[in-house]
C-alpha atoms as a PDB file:
ATOM      1  CA  UNK A   1     -12.493 -63.159 -41.313  1.00  0.00           C
ATOM      2  CA  UNK A   2      -9.182 -60.529 -41.291  1.00  0.00           C
ATOM      3  CA  UNK A   3      -8.057 -59.067 -38.168  1.00  0.00           C
ATOM      4  CA  UNK A   4      -7.743 -55.487 -38.831  1.00  0.00           C
ATOM      5  CA  UNK A   5      -4.351 -53.757 -37.922  1.00  0.00           C
ATOM      6  CA  UNK A   6      -3.940 -51.018 -36.053  1.00  0.00           C
ATOM      7  CA  UNK A   7      -2.666 -48.223 -37.704  1.00  0.00           C
ATOM      8  CA  UNK A   8       0.646 -46.509 -37.393  1.00  0.00           C
ATOM      9  CA  UNK A   9       0.530 -43.051 -35.528  1.00  0.00           C
ATOM     10  CA  UNK A  10       1.766 -40.209 -37.268  1.00  0.00           C
ATOM     11  CA  UNK A  11       4.321 -38.549 -35.189  1.00  0.00           C
ATOM     12  CA  UNK A  12       3.636 -35.043 -33.808  1.00  0.00           C
ATOM     13  CA  UNK A  13       5.046 -32.437 -35.800  1.00  0.00           C
ATOM     14  CA  UNK A  14       7.952 -30.634 -33.464  1.00  0.00           C
ATOM     15  CA  UNK A  15       7.768 -27.281 -32.740  1.00  0.00           C
ATOM     16  CA  UNK A  16      10.903 -25.466 -32.110  1.00  0.00           C
ATOM     17  CA  UNK A  17      10.341 -22.083 -29.929  1.00  0.00           C
ATOM     18  CA  UNK A  18      13.193 -20.085 -31.370  1.00  0.00           C
ATOM     19  CA  UNK A  19      12.448 -17.183 -28.967  1.00  0.00           C
ATOM     20  CA  UNK A  20      15.261 -15.670 -26.482  1.00  0.00           C
ATOM     21  CA  UNK A  21      15.721 -17.794 -23.027  1.00  0.00           C
ATOM     22  CA  UNK A  22      14.888 -14.279 -21.140  1.00  0.00           C
ATOM     23  CA  UNK A  23      12.130 -13.572 -23.034  1.00  0.00           C
ATOM     24  CA  UNK A  24      10.437 -16.894 -22.658  1.00  0.00           C
ATOM     25  CA  UNK A  25      11.454 -16.908 -18.818  1.00  0.00           C
ATOM     26  CA  UNK A  26       9.903 -13.165 -18.307  1.00  0.00           C
ATOM     27  CA  UNK A  27       6.945 -14.671 -20.058  1.00  0.00           C
ATOM     28  CA  UNK A  28       6.438 -17.406 -17.685  1.00  0.00           C
ATOM     29  CA  UNK A  29       7.516 -15.245 -14.431  1.00  0.00           C
ATOM     30  CA  UNK A  30       5.596 -11.901 -15.390  1.00  0.00           C
ATOM     31  CA  UNK A  31       2.513 -12.702 -12.854  1.00  0.00           C
ATOM     32  CA  UNK A  32       4.869 -13.395  -9.693  1.00  0.00           C
ATOM     33  CA  UNK A  33       7.433 -10.852 -10.316  1.00  0.00           C
ATOM     34  CA  UNK A  34       4.267  -8.019 -10.605  1.00  0.00           C
ATOM     35  CA  UNK A  35       2.732  -9.552  -7.337  1.00  0.00           C
ATOM     36  CA  UNK A  36       5.814  -9.213  -5.555  1.00  0.00           C
ATOM     37  CA  UNK A  37       6.533  -6.005  -6.503  1.00  0.00           C
ATOM     38  CA  UNK A  38       3.206  -4.728  -5.712  1.00  0.00           C
ATOM     39  CA  UNK A  39       3.897  -6.328  -2.241  1.00  0.00           C
ATOM     40  CA  UNK A  40       7.231  -4.799  -2.197  1.00  0.00           C
ATOM     41  CA  UNK A  41       5.363  -1.379  -2.832  1.00  0.00           C
ATOM     42  CA  UNK A  42       3.344  -1.403  -0.343  1.00  0.00           C
ATOM     43  CA  UNK A  43       5.670  -2.475   2.322  1.00  0.00           C
ATOM     44  CA  UNK A  44       7.616   0.335   1.312  1.00  0.00           C
ATOM     45  CA  UNK A  45       5.132   3.101   1.416  1.00  0.00           C
ATOM     46  CA  UNK A  46       3.763   1.962   4.817  1.00  0.00           C
ATOM     47  CA  UNK A  47       6.688   1.549   6.761  1.00  0.00           C
ATOM     48  CA  UNK A  48       9.043   4.627   5.214  1.00  0.00           C
ATOM     49  CA  UNK A  49       9.261   7.708   7.393  1.00  0.00           C
ATOM     50  CA  UNK A  50       5.252   9.569   7.420  1.00  0.00           C
ATOM     51  CA  UNK A  51       5.789  12.707   5.658  1.00  0.00           C
ATOM     52  CA  UNK A  52       4.767  16.451   7.329  1.00  0.00           C
ATOM     53  CA  UNK A  53       1.401  16.632   6.742  1.00  0.00           C
ATOM     54  CA  UNK A  54       0.632  13.129   6.401  1.00  0.00           C
ATOM     55  CA  UNK A  55      -1.607  11.454   9.359  1.00  0.00           C
ATOM     56  CA  UNK A  56      -0.120   7.499   9.575  1.00  0.00           C
ATOM     57  CA  UNK A  57      -3.243   6.295   8.400  1.00  0.00           C
ATOM     58  CA  UNK A  58      -3.078   8.145   5.232  1.00  0.00           C
ATOM     59  CA  UNK A  59      -0.094   6.752   4.506  1.00  0.00           C
ATOM     60  CA  UNK A  60      -1.469   3.553   5.395  1.00  0.00           C
ATOM     61  CA  UNK A  61      -3.980   4.268   3.278  1.00  0.00           C
ATOM     62  CA  UNK A  62      -1.282   5.333   0.439  1.00  0.00           C
ATOM     63  CA  UNK A  63      -0.265   1.985   0.610  1.00  0.00           C
ATOM     64  CA  UNK A  64      -3.198   0.781   0.145  1.00  0.00           C
ATOM     65  CA  UNK A  65      -3.796   2.843  -3.293  1.00  0.00           C
ATOM     66  CA  UNK A  66      -0.365   2.090  -4.763  1.00  0.00           C
ATOM     67  CA  UNK A  67      -0.531  -1.678  -4.475  1.00  0.00           C
ATOM     68  CA  UNK A  68      -3.989  -1.359  -5.676  1.00  0.00           C
ATOM     69  CA  UNK A  69      -2.534   0.883  -8.659  1.00  0.00           C
ATOM     70  CA  UNK A  70       0.473  -1.911  -9.635  1.00  0.00           C
ATOM     71  CA  UNK A  71      -1.797  -4.554  -9.744  1.00  0.00           C
ATOM     72  CA  UNK A  72      -4.668  -2.464 -11.971  1.00  0.00           C
ATOM     73  CA  UNK A  73      -2.150  -1.209 -14.347  1.00  0.00           C
ATOM     74  CA  UNK A  74      -0.057  -4.271 -14.541  1.00  0.00           C
ATOM     75  CA  UNK A  75      -3.222  -6.582 -14.749  1.00  0.00           C
ATOM     76  CA  UNK A  76      -1.442  -9.410 -12.942  1.00  0.00           C
ATOM     77  CA  UNK A  77      -5.309 -10.049 -11.527  1.00  0.00           C
ATOM     78  CA  UNK A  78      -9.400  -9.249 -12.594  1.00  0.00           C
ATOM     79  CA  UNK A  79     -10.253  -5.997 -11.595  1.00  0.00           C
ATOM     80  CA  UNK A  80     -12.174  -7.396  -8.700  1.00  0.00           C
ATOM     81  CA  UNK A  81     -10.359  -9.457  -7.297  1.00  0.00           C
ATOM     82  CA  UNK A  82      -7.766  -6.348  -6.708  1.00  0.00           C
ATOM     83  CA  UNK A  83     -10.807  -4.378  -5.216  1.00  0.00           C
ATOM     84  CA  UNK A  84     -11.625  -6.720  -3.015  1.00  0.00           C
ATOM     85  CA  UNK A  85      -7.837  -6.601  -1.802  1.00  0.00           C
ATOM     86  CA  UNK A  86      -8.807  -3.383  -1.477  1.00  0.00           C
ATOM     87  CA  UNK A  87     -11.466  -3.244   1.021  1.00  0.00           C
ATOM     88  CA  UNK A  88      -9.482  -6.399   3.094  1.00  0.00           C
ATOM     89  CA  UNK A  89      -6.188  -4.223   2.986  1.00  0.00           C
ATOM     90  CA  UNK A  90      -8.376  -1.206   4.239  1.00  0.00           C
ATOM     91  CA  UNK A  91      -9.665  -3.394   7.058  1.00  0.00           C
ATOM     92  CA  UNK A  92      -6.383  -4.621   8.172  1.00  0.00           C
ATOM     93  CA  UNK A  93      -4.461  -1.940   8.174  1.00  0.00           C
ATOM     94  CA  UNK A  94      -7.110   0.437  10.475  1.00  0.00           C
ATOM     95  CA  UNK A  95      -6.829   3.151   8.127  1.00  0.00           C
ATOM     96  CA  UNK A  96     -10.537   4.195   8.452  1.00  0.00           C
ATOM     97  CA  UNK A  97     -12.916   4.402  11.214  1.00  0.00           C
ATOM     98  CA  UNK A  98     -15.204   1.979  11.819  1.00  0.00           C
ATOM     99  CA  UNK A  99     -18.246   1.188  10.033  1.00  0.00           C
ATOM    100  CA  UNK A 100     -16.929   2.509   6.854  1.00  0.00           C
ATOM    101  CA  UNK A 101     -17.373  -0.965   4.414  1.00  0.00           C
ATOM    102  CA  UNK A 102     -21.668   0.038   4.866  1.00  0.00           C
ATOM    103  CA  UNK A 103     -20.096   1.887   1.987  1.00  0.00           C
ATOM    104  CA  UNK A 104     -19.684  -1.421   0.008  1.00  0.00           C
ATOM    105  CA  UNK A 105     -22.766  -3.372   1.041  1.00  0.00           C
ATOM    106  CA  UNK A 106     -24.661  -1.401  -2.281  1.00  0.00           C
ATOM    107  CA  UNK A 107     -25.630  -4.011  -4.241  1.00  0.00           C
ATOM    108  CA  UNK A 108     -24.726  -1.930  -7.355  1.00  0.00           C
ATOM    109  CA  UNK A 109     -21.727  -1.945  -6.073  1.00  0.00           C
ATOM    110  CA  UNK A 110     -21.204  -5.832  -5.808  1.00  0.00           C
ATOM    111  CA  UNK A 111     -22.769  -5.982  -9.080  1.00  0.00           C
ATOM    112  CA  UNK A 112     -19.870  -3.448 -10.634  1.00  0.00           C
ATOM    113  CA  UNK A 113     -17.545  -6.086  -9.198  1.00  0.00           C
ATOM    114  CA  UNK A 114     -18.758  -8.883 -10.512  1.00  0.00           C
ATOM    115  CA  UNK A 115     -19.159  -7.652 -14.622  1.00  0.00           C
ATOM    116  CA  UNK A 116     -15.799  -5.658 -14.225  1.00  0.00           C
ATOM    117  CA  UNK A 117     -13.692  -9.238 -15.093  1.00  0.00           C
ATOM    118  CA  UNK A 118     -12.099  -9.392 -18.447  1.00  0.00           C
ATOM    119  CA  UNK A 119     -10.056 -11.965 -20.020  1.00  0.00           C
ATOM    120  CA  UNK A 120      -6.297 -11.772 -18.529  1.00  0.00           C
ATOM    121  CA  UNK A 121      -3.655 -11.649 -21.233  1.00  0.00           C
ATOM    122  CA  UNK A 122      -1.797 -15.066 -21.445  1.00  0.00           C
END
């Protein structure tokens, strides 16, 4: 009985990316750059001199709002992750009175947070 000979493998087709190098690098570093920009916006707003008519706790809340807006509009993280980040930052920056997280304990709020995930652009 003859021994079957292995079939030679066909070489893979080589695809050459003809995009400019800056565009390839921008595509790979988009999310880390936006994450760093959000943190930078948060730090700039929270450390700048408090404007007249705004309390220090209001300035901290404004900084939390700014980082969430950057992450929501640039879609670098899912909406539910950004929403949970807002809850954590409000607590850690102490910009709201005690007991404010009771309002987030409603089942409908967590349902909406869990259902609001969409695929991120790749």
